[in-house]
N, C-alpha and C. Protein backbone atom coordinates (compact mmCIF):
# COMPACT_ATOMS: atom_id res chain seq x y z
N UNK A 1 106.10 121.20 91.52
CA UNK A 1 106.95 120.17 90.93
C UNK A 1 107.64 119.39 92.05
N UNK A 2 107.62 118.10 91.94
CA UNK A 2 108.24 117.24 92.94
C UNK A 2 109.76 117.26 92.82
N UNK A 3 110.43 117.10 93.95
CA UNK A 3 111.89 117.01 93.94
C UNK A 3 112.25 115.54 93.77
N UNK A 4 112.52 115.17 92.54
CA UNK A 4 112.80 113.78 92.20
C UNK A 4 114.25 113.65 91.78
N UNK A 5 114.93 112.67 92.35
CA UNK A 5 116.28 112.31 91.93
C UNK A 5 116.21 110.86 91.49
N UNK A 6 116.63 110.59 90.28
CA UNK A 6 116.57 109.22 89.79
C UNK A 6 115.22 108.90 89.19
N UNK A 7 114.79 107.67 89.37
CA UNK A 7 113.53 107.19 88.80
C UNK A 7 112.52 106.89 89.89
N UNK A 8 111.24 107.05 89.52
CA UNK A 8 110.14 106.77 90.45
C UNK A 8 109.03 106.02 89.74
N UNK A 9 108.20 105.39 90.55
CA UNK A 9 106.94 104.81 90.10
C UNK A 9 105.87 105.41 91.01
N UNK A 10 104.61 105.15 90.70
CA UNK A 10 103.52 105.57 91.58
C UNK A 10 102.89 104.32 92.17
N UNK A 11 102.87 104.29 93.50
CA UNK A 11 102.19 103.19 94.19
C UNK A 11 101.02 103.77 94.98
N UNK A 12 100.05 102.92 95.26
CA UNK A 12 98.86 103.32 96.01
C UNK A 12 98.28 102.07 96.64
N UNK A 13 97.13 102.22 97.28
CA UNK A 13 96.42 101.07 97.80
C UNK A 13 95.10 100.93 97.05
N UNK A 14 94.73 99.71 96.75
CA UNK A 14 93.48 99.43 96.06
C UNK A 14 92.32 99.82 96.98
N UNK A 15 91.37 100.54 96.45
CA UNK A 15 90.27 101.07 97.22
C UNK A 15 89.48 100.00 97.97
N UNK A 16 89.23 98.87 97.34
CA UNK A 16 88.39 97.84 97.94
C UNK A 16 89.15 96.82 98.77
N UNK A 17 90.35 96.44 98.35
CA UNK A 17 91.08 95.37 99.04
C UNK A 17 92.19 95.88 99.96
N UNK A 18 92.69 97.09 99.70
CA UNK A 18 93.81 97.61 100.47
C UNK A 18 95.16 97.13 99.97
N UNK A 19 95.17 96.24 98.99
CA UNK A 19 96.44 95.74 98.44
C UNK A 19 97.22 96.88 97.79
N UNK A 20 98.54 96.76 97.78
CA UNK A 20 99.38 97.72 97.10
C UNK A 20 99.25 97.52 95.60
N UNK A 21 99.05 98.62 94.88
CA UNK A 21 98.96 98.58 93.42
C UNK A 21 99.89 99.63 92.84
N UNK A 22 100.23 99.45 91.57
CA UNK A 22 101.20 100.29 90.89
C UNK A 22 100.61 100.78 89.57
N UNK A 23 100.84 102.06 89.28
CA UNK A 23 100.36 102.63 88.03
C UNK A 23 101.19 102.12 86.86
N UNK A 24 100.49 101.63 85.83
CA UNK A 24 101.15 101.13 84.63
C UNK A 24 100.75 102.03 83.46
N UNK A 25 101.23 101.72 82.29
CA UNK A 25 100.84 102.48 81.11
C UNK A 25 99.37 102.26 80.78
N UNK A 26 98.81 101.12 81.21
CA UNK A 26 97.43 100.76 80.86
C UNK A 26 96.45 100.86 82.03
N UNK A 27 96.89 101.22 83.22
CA UNK A 27 96.01 101.28 84.37
C UNK A 27 96.76 100.94 85.64
N UNK A 28 96.26 99.97 86.41
CA UNK A 28 96.86 99.58 87.68
C UNK A 28 97.17 98.09 87.68
N UNK A 29 98.22 97.72 88.42
CA UNK A 29 98.62 96.32 88.54
C UNK A 29 99.10 96.06 89.96
N UNK A 30 98.95 94.84 90.41
CA UNK A 30 99.47 94.44 91.71
C UNK A 30 100.92 94.00 91.64
N UNK A 31 101.51 94.03 90.46
CA UNK A 31 102.89 93.58 90.25
C UNK A 31 103.78 94.78 89.96
N UNK A 32 104.75 95.00 90.83
CA UNK A 32 105.64 96.16 90.68
C UNK A 32 106.41 96.13 89.36
N UNK A 33 106.64 94.95 88.81
CA UNK A 33 107.39 94.87 87.55
C UNK A 33 106.60 95.45 86.38
N UNK A 34 105.29 95.64 86.55
CA UNK A 34 104.46 96.25 85.51
C UNK A 34 104.44 97.77 85.58
N UNK A 35 104.95 98.34 86.66
CA UNK A 35 104.83 99.77 86.92
C UNK A 35 105.54 100.61 85.86
N UNK A 36 104.91 101.73 85.54
CA UNK A 36 105.50 102.69 84.61
C UNK A 36 106.54 103.52 85.37
N UNK A 37 107.74 103.62 84.83
CA UNK A 37 108.83 104.36 85.45
C UNK A 37 108.89 105.76 84.87
N UNK A 38 109.15 106.73 85.74
CA UNK A 38 109.31 108.12 85.30
C UNK A 38 110.57 108.71 85.90
N UNK A 39 111.14 109.66 85.18
CA UNK A 39 112.26 110.42 85.72
C UNK A 39 111.71 111.75 86.23
N UNK A 40 112.58 112.65 86.64
CA UNK A 40 112.15 113.93 87.21
C UNK A 40 111.25 114.70 86.25
N UNK A 41 111.52 114.63 84.97
CA UNK A 41 110.74 115.40 83.99
C UNK A 41 109.30 114.88 83.84
N UNK A 42 109.10 113.59 84.03
CA UNK A 42 107.77 113.01 83.83
C UNK A 42 107.04 112.63 85.09
N UNK A 43 107.67 112.83 86.25
CA UNK A 43 107.09 112.36 87.51
C UNK A 43 105.77 113.04 87.84
N UNK A 44 105.71 114.35 87.73
CA UNK A 44 104.48 115.06 88.11
C UNK A 44 103.31 114.67 87.22
N UNK A 45 103.56 114.48 85.93
CA UNK A 45 102.49 114.06 85.02
C UNK A 45 102.00 112.66 85.37
N UNK A 46 102.91 111.79 85.78
CA UNK A 46 102.54 110.43 86.15
C UNK A 46 101.65 110.44 87.41
N UNK A 47 102.03 111.23 88.40
CA UNK A 47 101.23 111.32 89.62
C UNK A 47 99.87 111.96 89.35
N UNK A 48 99.85 112.97 88.49
CA UNK A 48 98.57 113.61 88.15
C UNK A 48 97.64 112.62 87.47
N UNK A 49 98.16 111.77 86.60
CA UNK A 49 97.35 110.74 85.94
C UNK A 49 96.81 109.75 86.96
N UNK A 50 97.64 109.38 87.93
CA UNK A 50 97.20 108.44 88.97
C UNK A 50 96.06 109.03 89.79
N UNK A 51 96.18 110.30 90.14
CA UNK A 51 95.14 110.95 90.94
C UNK A 51 93.86 111.15 90.15
N UNK A 52 93.97 111.29 88.84
CA UNK A 52 92.79 111.47 87.99
C UNK A 52 92.00 110.18 87.81
N UNK A 53 92.65 109.05 88.00
CA UNK A 53 91.99 107.75 87.86
C UNK A 53 91.36 107.36 89.19
N UNK A 54 90.42 108.15 89.66
CA UNK A 54 89.76 107.91 90.94
C UNK A 54 88.92 106.66 90.92
N UNK A 55 88.53 106.22 92.10
CA UNK A 55 87.67 105.07 92.22
C UNK A 55 88.39 103.74 92.27
N UNK A 56 89.70 103.74 92.10
CA UNK A 56 90.48 102.51 92.14
C UNK A 56 91.55 102.57 93.22
N UNK A 57 92.27 103.68 93.26
CA UNK A 57 93.45 103.80 94.11
C UNK A 57 93.26 104.85 95.20
N UNK A 58 93.84 104.56 96.36
CA UNK A 58 93.82 105.48 97.49
C UNK A 58 95.26 105.88 97.79
N UNK A 59 95.50 107.17 97.91
CA UNK A 59 96.80 107.68 98.33
C UNK A 59 97.94 107.45 97.37
N UNK A 60 97.75 107.70 96.07
CA UNK A 60 98.88 107.50 95.16
C UNK A 60 100.03 108.44 95.50
N UNK A 61 101.24 107.90 95.44
CA UNK A 61 102.43 108.70 95.75
C UNK A 61 103.64 108.07 95.07
N UNK A 62 104.72 108.83 95.04
CA UNK A 62 105.95 108.36 94.41
C UNK A 62 106.65 107.32 95.27
N UNK A 63 107.33 106.40 94.60
CA UNK A 63 108.23 105.45 95.25
C UNK A 63 109.50 105.41 94.41
N UNK A 64 110.63 105.67 95.04
CA UNK A 64 111.91 105.63 94.32
C UNK A 64 112.24 104.20 93.93
N UNK A 65 112.76 104.04 92.73
CA UNK A 65 113.11 102.71 92.23
C UNK A 65 114.44 102.76 91.50
N UNK A 66 115.02 101.58 91.34
CA UNK A 66 116.14 101.39 90.43
C UNK A 66 115.66 100.45 89.33
N UNK A 67 116.33 100.48 88.22
CA UNK A 67 115.97 99.58 87.13
C UNK A 67 116.65 98.24 87.32
N UNK A 68 115.86 97.20 87.51
CA UNK A 68 116.39 95.85 87.64
C UNK A 68 116.18 95.07 86.36
N UNK A 69 116.68 93.85 86.28
CA UNK A 69 116.54 93.05 85.07
C UNK A 69 115.09 92.69 84.75
N UNK A 70 114.24 92.66 85.77
CA UNK A 70 112.83 92.32 85.57
C UNK A 70 111.90 93.51 85.76
N UNK A 71 112.45 94.72 85.69
CA UNK A 71 111.64 95.91 85.87
C UNK A 71 112.06 96.69 87.09
N UNK A 72 111.20 97.62 87.53
CA UNK A 72 111.56 98.48 88.65
C UNK A 72 111.68 97.70 89.97
N UNK A 73 112.67 98.11 90.77
CA UNK A 73 112.91 97.53 92.09
C UNK A 73 112.86 98.66 93.11
N UNK A 74 111.97 98.59 94.10
CA UNK A 74 111.89 99.66 95.09
C UNK A 74 113.23 99.88 95.79
N UNK A 75 113.58 101.15 95.96
CA UNK A 75 114.87 101.51 96.56
C UNK A 75 114.83 101.56 98.07
N UNK A 76 113.66 101.82 98.64
CA UNK A 76 113.56 102.01 100.08
C UNK A 76 112.86 100.82 100.73
N UNK A 77 113.25 100.53 101.95
CA UNK A 77 112.70 99.38 102.68
C UNK A 77 111.18 99.47 102.83
N UNK A 78 110.67 100.67 103.08
CA UNK A 78 109.22 100.83 103.25
C UNK A 78 108.47 100.32 102.02
N UNK A 79 108.92 100.69 100.84
CA UNK A 79 108.23 100.27 99.62
C UNK A 79 108.48 98.79 99.34
N UNK A 80 109.61 98.26 99.76
CA UNK A 80 109.84 96.82 99.62
C UNK A 80 108.84 96.04 100.47
N UNK A 81 108.56 96.54 101.67
CA UNK A 81 107.57 95.89 102.53
C UNK A 81 106.18 96.00 101.91
N UNK A 82 105.84 97.18 101.36
CA UNK A 82 104.55 97.34 100.69
C UNK A 82 104.43 96.36 99.53
N UNK A 83 105.51 96.16 98.78
CA UNK A 83 105.49 95.24 97.65
C UNK A 83 105.29 93.79 98.11
N UNK A 84 105.98 93.42 99.19
CA UNK A 84 105.97 92.02 99.64
C UNK A 84 104.81 91.68 100.55
N UNK A 85 104.12 92.68 101.06
CA UNK A 85 103.01 92.45 101.97
C UNK A 85 103.42 92.66 103.41
N UNK A 86 102.46 92.64 104.30
CA UNK A 86 102.75 92.91 105.71
C UNK A 86 103.81 91.96 106.26
N UNK A 87 104.69 92.49 107.07
CA UNK A 87 105.74 91.64 107.64
C UNK A 87 105.17 90.65 108.63
N UNK A 88 104.01 90.93 109.21
CA UNK A 88 103.39 89.99 110.12
C UNK A 88 103.01 88.70 109.38
N UNK A 89 102.75 88.80 108.09
CA UNK A 89 102.39 87.62 107.31
C UNK A 89 103.51 86.62 107.18
N UNK A 90 104.74 87.08 107.30
CA UNK A 90 105.88 86.17 107.23
C UNK A 90 105.89 85.24 108.44
N UNK A 91 105.39 85.73 109.58
CA UNK A 91 105.33 84.93 110.79
C UNK A 91 104.01 84.18 110.91
N UNK A 92 102.94 84.78 110.39
CA UNK A 92 101.61 84.17 110.46
C UNK A 92 100.92 84.37 109.11
N UNK A 93 101.13 83.45 108.17
CA UNK A 93 100.58 83.61 106.82
C UNK A 93 99.08 83.78 106.77
N UNK A 94 98.36 83.34 107.79
CA UNK A 94 96.91 83.49 107.80
C UNK A 94 96.48 84.95 107.88
N UNK A 95 97.37 85.84 108.30
CA UNK A 95 97.05 87.25 108.45
C UNK A 95 97.36 88.08 107.21
N UNK A 96 97.95 87.50 106.22
CA UNK A 96 98.36 88.25 105.05
C UNK A 96 97.76 87.69 103.78
N UNK A 97 96.99 88.50 103.05
CA UNK A 97 96.38 88.04 101.81
C UNK A 97 97.44 87.71 100.77
N UNK A 98 98.54 88.46 100.76
CA UNK A 98 99.60 88.18 99.78
C UNK A 98 100.24 86.83 100.06
N UNK A 99 100.49 86.52 101.32
CA UNK A 99 101.10 85.24 101.64
C UNK A 99 100.12 84.10 101.37
N UNK A 100 98.82 84.34 101.58
CA UNK A 100 97.82 83.32 101.27
C UNK A 100 97.79 83.04 99.78
N UNK A 101 97.84 84.12 98.96
CA UNK A 101 97.82 83.92 97.50
C UNK A 101 99.07 83.17 97.05
N UNK A 102 100.22 83.47 97.64
CA UNK A 102 101.46 82.79 97.28
C UNK A 102 101.37 81.31 97.65
N UNK A 103 100.76 81.02 98.79
CA UNK A 103 100.64 79.64 99.25
C UNK A 103 99.71 78.87 98.33
N UNK A 104 98.62 79.49 97.87
CA UNK A 104 97.66 78.84 96.98
C UNK A 104 98.29 78.60 95.62
N UNK A 105 99.09 79.57 95.13
CA UNK A 105 99.71 79.46 93.82
C UNK A 105 100.80 78.41 93.79
N UNK A 106 101.40 78.10 94.92
CA UNK A 106 102.52 77.14 94.96
C UNK A 106 102.08 75.72 94.79
């Protein structure tokens, strides 16, 4: 049993693209606001489900979150960086797929 305080989500990397993805009630999403939130009682079951859905995600693990107005918000800087994309992309958008997608969408 994991030592969980507060709420968590499960994040991982997409097997083919390497992008950060989050476990939802229906599968995986690239948007943290879609992530399924668990407390200490449900955390282990959530991680077990993520690991059972092989072929999509690499390295699923817990990420501590707080509940924000638009869904879960990562509590730790490491997960905030994973959500926002590589920090090098902020200086050189050509190196970051997330920054490229944001630029195309704008």
